[in-house]
Structures are given as C-alpha cells and as structure tokens.
C-alpha atoms as a PDB file:
ATOM      1  CA  MET A   1       0.000   0.000   0.000  1.00  0.00           C
ATOM      2  CA  THR A   2       1.315   3.469  -0.880  1.00  0.00           C
ATOM      3  CA  ALA A   3       0.881   6.626   1.166  1.00  0.00           C
ATOM      4  CA  GLY A   4      -2.577   8.064   0.685  1.00  0.00           C
ATOM      5  CA  ASP A   5      -4.386   4.831  -0.147  1.00  0.00           C
ATOM      6  CA  PRO A   6      -7.759   4.400   1.552  1.00  0.00           C
ATOM      7  CA  PRO A   7      -7.747   1.561   4.129  1.00  0.00           C
ATOM      8  CA  SER A   8     -10.183  -0.522   2.045  1.00  0.00           C
ATOM      9  CA  ALA A   9      -7.630  -0.701  -0.786  1.00  0.00           C
ATOM     10  CA  ARG A  10      -4.969  -2.321   1.388  1.00  0.00           C
ATOM     11  CA  ASP A  11      -5.891  -5.846   0.308  1.00  0.00           C
ATOM     12  CA  VAL A  12      -5.327  -5.049  -3.378  1.00  0.00           C
ATOM     13  CA  GLU A  13      -1.921  -6.134  -4.604  1.00  0.00           C
ATOM     14  CA  VAL A  14      -0.335  -4.138  -7.405  1.00  0.00           C
ATOM     15  CA  PRO A  15       0.589  -6.064 -10.574  1.00  0.00           C
ATOM     16  CA  ALA A  16       4.140  -7.284 -11.063  1.00  0.00           C
ATOM     17  CA  SER A  17       4.662  -4.682 -13.780  1.00  0.00           C
ATOM     18  CA  PRO A  18       3.043  -1.246 -14.199  1.00  0.00           C
ATOM     19  CA  LEU A  19       0.529  -0.775 -16.992  1.00  0.00           C
ATOM     20  CA  VAL A  20       2.577   2.143 -18.314  1.00  0.00           C
ATOM     21  CA  THR A  21       6.308   2.312 -17.683  1.00  0.00           C
ATOM     22  CA  ASP A  22       8.923   4.898 -18.552  1.00  0.00           C
ATOM     23  CA  THR A  23       9.591   3.054 -21.821  1.00  0.00           C
ATOM     24  CA  PRO A  24       7.381   4.664 -24.499  1.00  0.00           C
ATOM     25  CA  LEU A  25       4.982   2.562 -26.570  1.00  0.00           C
ATOM     26  CA  SER A  26       3.347   3.372 -29.875  1.00  0.00           C
ATOM     27  CA  PHE A  27      -0.249   4.535 -29.532  1.00  0.00           C
ATOM     28  CA  PRO A  28      -1.739   1.288 -30.949  1.00  0.00           C
ATOM     29  CA  ASP A  29       0.494  -0.836 -28.705  1.00  0.00           C
ATOM     30  CA  LEU A  30      -0.329   1.262 -25.642  1.00  0.00           C
ATOM     31  CA  CYS A  31      -4.080   1.002 -26.235  1.00  0.00           C
ATOM     32  CA  ALA A  32      -3.782  -2.730 -26.889  1.00  0.00           C
ATOM     33  CA  ARG A  33      -1.855  -3.182 -23.621  1.00  0.00           C
ATOM     34  CA  ILE A  34      -4.495  -1.204 -21.735  1.00  0.00           C
ATOM     35  CA  HIS A  35      -7.288  -3.238 -23.319  1.00  0.00           C
ATOM     36  CA  HIS A  36      -5.548  -6.516 -22.494  1.00  0.00           C
ATOM     37  CA  ARG A  37      -5.217  -5.626 -18.822  1.00  0.00           C
ATOM     38  CA  ILE A  38      -8.775  -4.316 -18.478  1.00  0.00           C
ATOM     39  CA  ALA A  39     -10.189  -7.339 -20.342  1.00  0.00           C
ATOM     40  CA  ALA A  40      -8.196  -9.707 -18.114  1.00  0.00           C
ATOM     41  CA  PHE A  41      -9.619  -8.007 -15.012  1.00  0.00           C
ATOM     42  CA  LEU A  42     -13.172  -8.322 -16.339  1.00  0.00           C
ATOM     43  CA  ASP A  43     -12.648 -12.039 -17.029  1.00  0.00           C
ATOM     44  CA  GLU A  44     -11.411 -12.803 -13.522  1.00  0.00           C
ATOM     45  CA  LYS A  45     -13.587 -14.523 -10.926  1.00  0.00           C
ATOM     46  CA  HIS A  46     -13.641 -12.762  -7.575  1.00  0.00           C
ATOM     47  CA  GLU A  47     -15.275 -13.631  -4.282  1.00  0.00           C
ATOM     48  CA  SER A  48     -14.885 -10.064  -3.098  1.00  0.00           C
ATOM     49  CA  GLU A  49     -18.132  -8.122  -3.476  1.00  0.00           C
ATOM     50  CA  ARG A  50     -16.132  -4.947  -3.956  1.00  0.00           C
ATOM     51  CA  LEU A  51     -14.214  -6.371  -6.897  1.00  0.00           C
ATOM     52  CA  THR A  52     -17.272  -7.890  -8.576  1.00  0.00           C
ATOM     53  CA  SER A  53     -19.012  -4.527  -8.163  1.00  0.00           C
ATOM     54  CA  LEU A  54     -16.000  -2.796  -9.693  1.00  0.00           C
ATOM     55  CA  GLN A  55     -16.086  -5.189 -12.637  1.00  0.00           C
ATOM     56  CA  ALA A  56     -19.744  -4.277 -13.183  1.00  0.00           C
ATOM     57  CA  GLN A  57     -18.987  -0.554 -12.947  1.00  0.00           C
ATOM     58  CA  THR A  58     -16.117  -0.943 -15.408  1.00  0.00           C
ATOM     59  CA  ARG A  59     -18.435  -2.631 -17.927  1.00  0.00           C
ATOM     60  CA  VAL A  60     -20.985   0.165 -17.520  1.00  0.00           C
ATOM     61  CA  SER A  61     -18.288   2.791 -18.087  1.00  0.00           C
ATOM     62  CA  LEU A  62     -17.044   1.032 -21.207  1.00  0.00           C
ATOM     63  CA  ASP A  63     -20.622   0.853 -22.483  1.00  0.00           C
ATOM     64  CA  VAL A  64     -21.035   4.609 -21.942  1.00  0.00           C
ATOM     65  CA  LEU A  65     -17.788   5.266 -23.785  1.00  0.00           C
ATOM     66  CA  ALA A  66     -18.864   2.984 -26.637  1.00  0.00           C
ATOM     67  CA  GLU A  67     -22.214   4.791 -26.836  1.00  0.00           C
ATOM     68  CA  ALA A  68     -20.426   8.135 -27.017  1.00  0.00           C
ATOM     69  CA  LEU A  69     -18.207   6.839 -29.826  1.00  0.00           C
ATOM     70  CA  ASP A  70     -21.339   5.700 -31.670  1.00  0.00           C
ATOM     71  CA  LYS A  71     -23.102   9.055 -31.196  1.00  0.00           C
ATOM     72  CA  TYR A  72     -20.157  11.305 -31.990  1.00  0.00           C
ATOM     73  CA  ARG A  73     -17.218  11.289 -34.348  1.00  0.00           C
ATOM     74  CA  LEU A  74     -13.824  11.156 -32.647  1.00  0.00           C
ATOM     75  CA  SER A  75     -13.191  14.752 -33.729  1.00  0.00           C
ATOM     76  CA  GLU A  76     -16.306  15.800 -31.785  1.00  0.00           C
ATOM     77  CA  LEU A  77     -15.107  14.317 -28.481  1.00  0.00           C
ATOM     78  CA  SER A  78     -12.705  15.643 -25.869  1.00  0.00           C
ATOM     79  CA  ILE A  79     -11.666  14.859 -22.288  1.00  0.00           C
ATOM     80  CA  ALA A  80     -11.462  17.302 -19.390  1.00  0.00           C
ATOM     81  CA  TYR A  81      -8.112  16.174 -18.009  1.00  0.00           C
ATOM     82  CA  ASN A  82      -6.337  17.647 -15.000  1.00  0.00           C
ATOM     83  CA  GLY A  83      -3.965  14.836 -14.060  1.00  0.00           C
ATOM     84  CA  GLY A  84      -6.121  13.647 -11.145  1.00  0.00           C
ATOM     85  CA  LYS A  85      -6.805   9.980 -10.464  1.00  0.00           C
ATOM     86  CA  ASP A  86     -10.481  10.168 -11.563  1.00  0.00           C
ATOM     87  CA  CYS A  87      -9.490  11.736 -14.887  1.00  0.00           C
ATOM     88  CA  LEU A  88      -6.639   9.255 -15.264  1.00  0.00           C
ATOM     89  CA  VAL A  89      -8.944   6.258 -14.846  1.00  0.00           C
ATOM     90  CA  LEU A  90     -11.388   7.858 -17.285  1.00  0.00           C
ATOM     91  CA  LEU A  91      -8.580   8.344 -19.818  1.00  0.00           C
ATOM     92  CA  ILE A  92      -7.405   4.735 -19.463  1.00  0.00           C
ATOM     93  CA  LEU A  93     -10.946   3.425 -20.017  1.00  0.00           C
ATOM     94  CA  TYR A  94     -11.339   5.739 -23.015  1.00  0.00           C
ATOM     95  CA  LEU A  95      -8.188   4.361 -24.624  1.00  0.00           C
ATOM     96  CA  CYS A  96      -9.483   0.850 -23.969  1.00  0.00           C
ATOM     97  CA  ALA A  97     -12.744   1.789 -25.724  1.00  0.00           C
ATOM     98  CA  LEU A  98     -10.800   3.244 -28.658  1.00  0.00           C
ATOM     99  CA  HIS A  99      -8.967  -0.064 -29.049  1.00  0.00           C
ATOM    100  CA  ARG A 100     -12.280  -1.919 -29.072  1.00  0.00           C
ATOM    101  CA  LYS A 101     -13.540   0.372 -31.829  1.00  0.00           C
ATOM    102  CA  GLY A 102     -10.343   0.114 -33.897  1.00  0.00           C
ATOM    103  CA  LEU A 103      -9.633   3.835 -33.483  1.00  0.00           C
ATOM    104  CA  THR A 104      -5.921   3.645 -32.667  1.00  0.00           C
ATOM    105  CA  PRO A 105      -3.843   4.872 -35.631  1.00  0.00           C
ATOM    106  CA  PRO A 106      -0.045   4.991 -35.244  1.00  0.00           C
ATOM    107  CA  GLU A 107      -0.031   8.810 -35.170  1.00  0.00           C
ATOM    108  CA  PRO A 108      -3.457   9.892 -33.868  1.00  0.00           C
ATOM    109  CA  ASN A 109      -2.601  13.596 -33.799  1.00  0.00           C
ATOM    110  CA  ALA A 110      -1.392  13.640 -37.384  1.00  0.00           C
ATOM    111  CA  ARG A 111      -4.992  14.237 -38.493  1.00  0.00           C
ATOM    112  CA  ALA A 112      -7.682  16.362 -36.879  1.00  0.00           C
ATOM    113  CA  GLU A 113     -10.185  13.528 -37.372  1.00  0.00           C
ATOM    114  CA  THR A 114      -8.262  11.125 -35.133  1.00  0.00           C
ATOM    115  CA  ALA A 115      -6.689  13.443 -32.531  1.00  0.00           C
ATOM    116  CA  ILE A 116      -7.151  12.539 -28.857  1.00  0.00           C
ATOM    117  CA  LYS A 117      -8.436  15.937 -27.748  1.00  0.00           C
ATOM    118  CA  CYS A 118      -8.124  17.071 -24.139  1.00  0.00           C
ATOM    119  CA  VAL A 119      -8.660  20.298 -22.252  1.00  0.00           C
ATOM    120  CA  TYR A 120      -6.708  21.128 -19.110  1.00  0.00           C
ATOM    121  CA  ILE A 121      -8.158  23.923 -16.979  1.00  0.00           C
ATOM    122  CA  GLN A 122      -5.317  24.945 -14.732  1.00  0.00           C
ATOM    123  CA  ALA A 123      -5.847  25.640 -11.034  1.00  0.00           C
ATOM    124  CA  PRO A 124      -5.119  29.179  -9.817  1.00  0.00           C
ATOM    125  CA  HIS A 125      -2.025  27.915  -7.956  1.00  0.00           C
ATOM    126  CA  PRO A 126      -1.137  24.589  -9.577  1.00  0.00           C
ATOM    127  CA  PHE A 127       1.213  22.110  -7.936  1.00  0.00           C
ATOM    128  CA  GLN A 128       4.344  21.561  -9.980  1.00  0.00           C
ATOM    129  CA  GLU A 129       3.878  17.806  -9.575  1.00  0.00           C
ATOM    130  CA  VAL A 130       0.494  18.077 -11.282  1.00  0.00           C
ATOM    131  CA  GLU A 131       1.895  20.210 -14.089  1.00  0.00           C
ATOM    132  CA  ASP A 132       4.692  17.702 -14.620  1.00  0.00           C
ATOM    133  CA  PHE A 133       2.304  14.742 -14.637  1.00  0.00           C
ATOM    134  CA  VAL A 134       0.004  16.394 -17.164  1.00  0.00           C
ATOM    135  CA  GLU A 135       3.012  17.059 -19.384  1.00  0.00           C
ATOM    136  CA  VAL A 136       4.081  13.431 -19.094  1.00  0.00           C
ATOM    137  CA  SER A 137       0.513  12.302 -19.851  1.00  0.00           C
ATOM    138  CA  VAL A 138       0.512  14.264 -23.101  1.00  0.00           C
ATOM    139  CA  LYS A 139       3.613  12.417 -24.287  1.00  0.00           C
ATOM    140  CA  THR A 140       2.673   9.000 -22.913  1.00  0.00           C
ATOM    141  CA  TYR A 141      -0.894   8.882 -24.264  1.00  0.00           C
ATOM    142  CA  SER A 142      -0.420  10.983 -27.433  1.00  0.00           C
ATOM    143  CA  LEU A 143      -2.866  13.636 -26.241  1.00  0.00           C
ATOM    144  CA  GLN A 144      -3.705  16.814 -28.136  1.00  0.00           C
ATOM    145  CA  LEU A 145      -4.119  18.993 -25.061  1.00  0.00           C
ATOM    146  CA  LEU A 146      -4.976  22.677 -24.805  1.00  0.00           C
ATOM    147  CA  GLU A 147      -4.406  24.432 -21.488  1.00  0.00           C
ATOM    148  CA  TYR A 148      -6.307  27.397 -20.024  1.00  0.00           C
ATOM    149  CA  ALA A 149      -5.457  29.335 -16.859  1.00  0.00           C
ATOM    150  CA  LYS A 150      -8.797  31.010 -16.207  1.00  0.00           C
ATOM    151  CA  PRO A 151     -12.162  30.294 -14.542  1.00  0.00           C
ATOM    152  CA  MET A 152     -13.925  27.196 -15.817  1.00  0.00           C
ATOM    153  CA  LYS A 153     -16.780  28.859 -17.700  1.00  0.00           C
ATOM    154  CA  ALA A 154     -14.440  31.164 -19.605  1.00  0.00           C
ATOM    155  CA  ALA A 155     -11.989  28.317 -20.201  1.00  0.00           C
ATOM    156  CA  PHE A 156     -14.636  26.082 -21.764  1.00  0.00           C
ATOM    157  CA  ALA A 157     -15.909  28.968 -23.889  1.00  0.00           C
ATOM    158  CA  ASP A 158     -12.393  29.586 -25.205  1.00  0.00           C
ATOM    159  CA  TYR A 159     -11.791  25.878 -25.734  1.00  0.00           C
ATOM    160  CA  LEU A 160     -14.943  25.457 -27.812  1.00  0.00           C
ATOM    161  CA  HIS A 161     -13.974  28.534 -29.819  1.00  0.00           C
ATOM    162  CA  ASP A 162     -10.497  27.112 -30.416  1.00  0.00           C
ATOM    163  CA  THR A 163     -11.794  23.607 -31.242  1.00  0.00           C
ATOM    164  CA  PRO A 164     -15.190  24.188 -32.905  1.00  0.00           C
ATOM    165  CA  SER A 165     -15.536  20.518 -33.870  1.00  0.00           C
ATOM    166  CA  VAL A 166     -15.960  19.465 -30.208  1.00  0.00           C
ATOM    167  CA  LYS A 167     -19.572  18.689 -29.289  1.00  0.00           C
ATOM    168  CA  ALA A 168     -19.126  16.556 -26.159  1.00  0.00           C
ATOM    169  CA  ILE A 169     -16.577  16.407 -23.327  1.00  0.00           C
ATOM    170  CA  PHE A 170     -15.878  13.487 -20.987  1.00  0.00           C
ATOM    171  CA  VAL A 171     -15.710  14.564 -17.353  1.00  0.00           C
ATOM    172  CA  GLY A 172     -14.455  12.483 -14.416  1.00  0.00           C
ATOM    173  CA  THR A 173     -17.105  13.666 -11.956  1.00  0.00           C
ATOM    174  CA  ARG A 174     -18.501  11.064  -9.537  1.00  0.00           C
ATOM    175  CA  ARG A 175     -21.927  11.071  -7.883  1.00  0.00           C
ATOM    176  CA  THR A 176     -20.426  11.516  -4.421  1.00  0.00           C
ATOM    177  CA  ASP A 177     -18.692  14.707  -5.559  1.00  0.00           C
ATOM    178  CA  PRO A 178     -20.320  18.071  -4.853  1.00  0.00           C
ATOM    179  CA  HIS A 179     -23.108  18.737  -7.395  1.00  0.00           C
ATOM    180  CA  GLY A 180     -22.863  15.191  -8.762  1.00  0.00           C
ATOM    181  CA  GLU A 181     -25.969  13.736  -7.106  1.00  0.00           C
ATOM    182  CA  HIS A 182     -28.410  14.206  -9.990  1.00  0.00           C
ATOM    183  CA  LEU A 183     -26.076  13.853 -12.952  1.00  0.00           C
ATOM    184  CA  LYS A 184     -26.668  11.249 -15.656  1.00  0.00           C
ATOM    185  CA  HIS A 185     -24.207   9.630 -18.028  1.00  0.00           C
ATOM    186  CA  PHE A 186     -25.109  12.224 -20.695  1.00  0.00           C
ATOM    187  CA  ASP A 187     -26.028  15.752 -19.570  1.00  0.00           C
ATOM    188  CA  PRO A 188     -26.081  18.986 -21.574  1.00  0.00           C
ATOM    189  CA  THR A 189     -24.423  21.905 -19.815  1.00  0.00           C
ATOM    190  CA  ASP A 190     -26.643  24.136 -17.697  1.00  0.00           C
ATOM    191  CA  SER A 191     -28.140  27.396 -18.930  1.00  0.00           C
ATOM    192  CA  GLY A 192     -25.561  30.163 -19.117  1.00  0.00           C
ATOM    193  CA  TRP A 193     -22.666  27.790 -19.778  1.00  0.00           C
ATOM    194  CA  PRO A 194     -20.958  27.141 -23.121  1.00  0.00           C
ATOM    195  CA  PRO A 195     -23.106  24.503 -24.844  1.00  0.00           C
ATOM    196  CA  PHE A 196     -21.762  20.973 -25.079  1.00  0.00           C
ATOM    197  CA  MET A 197     -22.721  17.501 -23.903  1.00  0.00           C
ATOM    198  CA  ARG A 198     -21.092  16.440 -20.648  1.00  0.00           C
ATOM    199  CA  ILE A 199     -20.408  12.710 -20.536  1.00  0.00           C
ATOM    200  CA  HIS A 200     -19.805  11.063 -17.143  1.00  0.00           C
ATOM    201  CA  PRO A 201     -18.567   7.478 -17.640  1.00  0.00           C
ATOM    202  CA  VAL A 202     -17.431   7.070 -13.999  1.00  0.00           C
ATOM    203  CA  ILE A 203     -20.335   8.902 -12.355  1.00  0.00           C
ATOM    204  CA  ASP A 204     -21.322   5.922 -10.169  1.00  0.00           C
ATOM    205  CA  TRP A 205     -17.802   4.973  -9.140  1.00  0.00           C
ATOM    206  CA  HIS A 206     -16.795   5.459  -5.517  1.00  0.00           C
ATOM    207  CA  TYR A 207     -13.514   6.775  -4.165  1.00  0.00           C
ATOM    208  CA  VAL A 208     -12.380   3.265  -3.251  1.00  0.00           C
ATOM    209  CA  ASP A 209     -13.277   2.021  -6.767  1.00  0.00           C
ATOM    210  CA  ILE A 210     -10.933   4.563  -8.307  1.00  0.00           C
ATOM    211  CA  TRP A 211      -8.121   3.615  -5.943  1.00  0.00           C
ATOM    212  CA  THR A 212      -8.728  -0.095  -6.456  1.00  0.00           C
ATOM    213  CA  ILE A 213      -8.578   0.079 -10.255  1.00  0.00           C
ATOM    214  CA  VAL A 214      -5.502   2.318 -10.044  1.00  0.00           C
ATOM    215  CA  ARG A 215      -3.715  -0.245  -7.872  1.00  0.00           C
ATOM    216  CA  LEU A 216      -5.144  -3.384  -9.460  1.00  0.00           C
ATOM    217  CA  ARG A 217      -5.025  -2.658 -13.182  1.00  0.00           C
ATOM    218  CA  VAL A 218      -4.046   0.924 -13.893  1.00  0.00           C
ATOM    219  CA  TYR A 219      -0.895   0.871 -11.794  1.00  0.00           C
ATOM    220  CA  LEU A 220       1.496   3.441 -13.257  1.00  0.00           C
ATOM    221  CA  ALA A 221       5.119   3.748 -12.188  1.00  0.00           C
ATOM    222  CA  ARG A 222       5.176   7.492 -12.738  1.00  0.00           C
ATOM    223  CA  TRP A 223       1.777   8.020 -11.039  1.00  0.00           C
ATOM    224  CA  ASN A 224       2.930   6.078  -7.989  1.00  0.00           C
ATOM    225  CA  ARG A 225       6.044   8.239  -7.632  1.00  0.00           C
ATOM    226  CA  ARG A 226       4.101  11.429  -8.239  1.00  0.00           C
ATOM    227  CA  HIS A 227       1.397  10.654  -5.683  1.00  0.00           C
ATOM    228  CA  ALA A 228       3.821   9.514  -2.998  1.00  0.00           C
ATOM    229  CA  SER A 229       5.710  12.817  -3.315  1.00  0.00           C
ATOM    230  CA  GLN A 230       2.681  15.074  -3.266  1.00  0.00           C
ATOM    231  CA  PRO A 231       1.462  15.678   0.311  1.00  0.00           C
ATOM    232  CA  ARG A 232       0.067  19.125  -0.540  1.00  0.00           C
ATOM    233  CA  ALA A 233      -1.986  17.709  -3.387  1.00  0.00           C
ATOM    234  CA  ARG A 234      -3.375  15.035  -1.082  1.00  0.00           C
ATOM    235  CA  GLU A 235      -4.384  17.774   1.352  1.00  0.00           C
ATOM    236  CA  ALA A 236      -6.098  19.648  -1.499  1.00  0.00           C
ATOM    237  CA  GLU A 237      -7.904  16.450  -2.491  1.00  0.00           C
ATOM    238  CA  SER A 238      -9.096  16.024   1.094  1.00  0.00           C
ATOM    239  CA  LYS A 239     -10.460  19.569   1.099  1.00  0.00           C
ATOM    240  CA  ARG A 240     -12.186  18.958  -2.229  1.00  0.00           C
ATOM    241  CA  ARG A 241     -13.874  15.839  -0.871  1.00  0.00           C
ATOM    242  CA  ARG A 242     -15.159  17.908   2.064  1.00  0.00           C
ATOM    243  CA  GLY A 243     -16.755  20.311  -0.395  1.00  0.00           C
ATOM    244  CA  GLU A 244     -14.124  23.028  -0.153  1.00  0.00           C
ATOM    245  CA  HIS A 245     -13.602  23.060  -3.915  1.00  0.00           C
ATOM    246  CA  ALA A 246     -12.424  26.048  -5.897  1.00  0.00           C
ATOM    247  CA  GLU A 247     -13.978  27.581  -8.990  1.00  0.00           C
ATOM    248  CA  TRP A 248     -11.657  25.676 -11.324  1.00  0.00           C
ATOM    249  CA  ASP A 249     -12.545  22.297  -9.829  1.00  0.00           C
ATOM    250  CA  PHE A 250     -14.518  20.025 -12.193  1.00  0.00           C
ATOM    251  CA  ASN A 251     -17.106  19.626  -9.420  1.00  0.00           C
ATOM    252  CA  THR A 252     -18.306  23.168  -9.997  1.00  0.00           C
ATOM    253  CA  PRO A 253     -21.853  22.872 -11.436  1.00  0.00           C
ATOM    254  CA  PHE A 254     -21.931  23.587 -15.174  1.00  0.00           C
END
C-alpha cells in the first residue's frame, strides 16, 4: 500500500509490472496493452463483493464510452483532463474503448479527425507535480491537449472557440462529488454555460473504486512516484472531498 491509499484498498496487490512504464509505446500498442489488462480483469472470478461490483462498474463505463463513440465522431469528443486519479482512470478506459472500436492509428494527432483531444483547466495555484504529470501524460498517451489558466466557464468557452468541432466532453465527476448527485451519463451543460454535452462514464464509481482500479489494473510507475511525493496535493484532495472546492474544480456545477 502506498501513502494516501484508503484503508479498504490495502488488500489489493499491485501487478508485477506497471501498466505504463517509462519506456514509451506506440499509440496502438499502448491502447492494446491497456485493453488486455482491463479485459483480463473483467474475465477474472472474484469472491470479493467490492471487486465484482468494480467489474460491473467498469463494464458500464465502457458501455457509456462505446455509446459516445457511436453518437459522436472522434473529432467531436474531448476529455477534461487535470492529471487527477479520476481523470486518469477515465482516460485509461477511453483508450481501452478506442482499441475496441479500432480507433488507434499509429499517429493519432497527425490528423484532426483522429486526434485525442483534451482540455486542461489549470488551477489558480497549480502544484508543480500536477503540471509535470500532465506534461508526461501528453507524451505517454499521445494527447492533443490545450491548457487554459482562467475560470472554468471562460476556459470552456475559449476551448470550444479554439476547437469548434468538439460537441461533447468526458468529465471524471462522480456522484459523491459536490453537485454530482443528480447527474446522468449524458447531460447537456446548464443554462448560461458554453453549450456541449457532458459525458460522465465514472459517475457511479466510488472513491475506493478509483483507488482499487488504479492499484489493481491501472498501476502506473510514474503516477505512484508522483502521488507519494505530493502531500500538498493530497491535502487539497481532502479539502475537495469535504466540499471546499475552488472555482476551477470540475465539481463546480456547469
């Protein structure tokens, strides 16, 4: 167990090798590796109610992602990514879904139609560890990421202006987050916000689910080092979970 793990994740052993190491993989190989590990987890038989529930939640999330890929072209989709564990799990599941759909070209960002679009709305006082991890994520997962250092509403408005093809954005909000209680898998933005479809594939995941999948199947060498060295970020996460979130936090209603 690493520092910061919830007690209920202590019984989850990390795999012998991380899902993503410091050795770069091609985009198709990376997505195939992710799919293999997620598929293996879904095929396992578990006596633990928590793990069988997590398997069910993972299948639901993959179904939501598949539905989004059926409803929208890849160029119309984006991910709100801030380097947090919820967004990371969402990204990993998205890449798994892309593999299932055969949407993993060798150079995804070579064409606008296949780019893996992401938007990063920077916190007012970002931790350097977070900034570094986001930068690493861009290289590791071949992300086409645009960054905005402004309040969320203005940031989304600018992002949609800069990427007019985007019609829907995946968000890693969970139901236990502030303002997440009544959200559905597909929700248009509220009145007064830039118009796009919010998609919440992990809306019904719990905190322990995120930690369990991170340790069980989405174990990342670089994430483990980053999280262990980030006490201030863990404190900020604790405040967020108590509802003390800032305007830039993705749990702001929109």
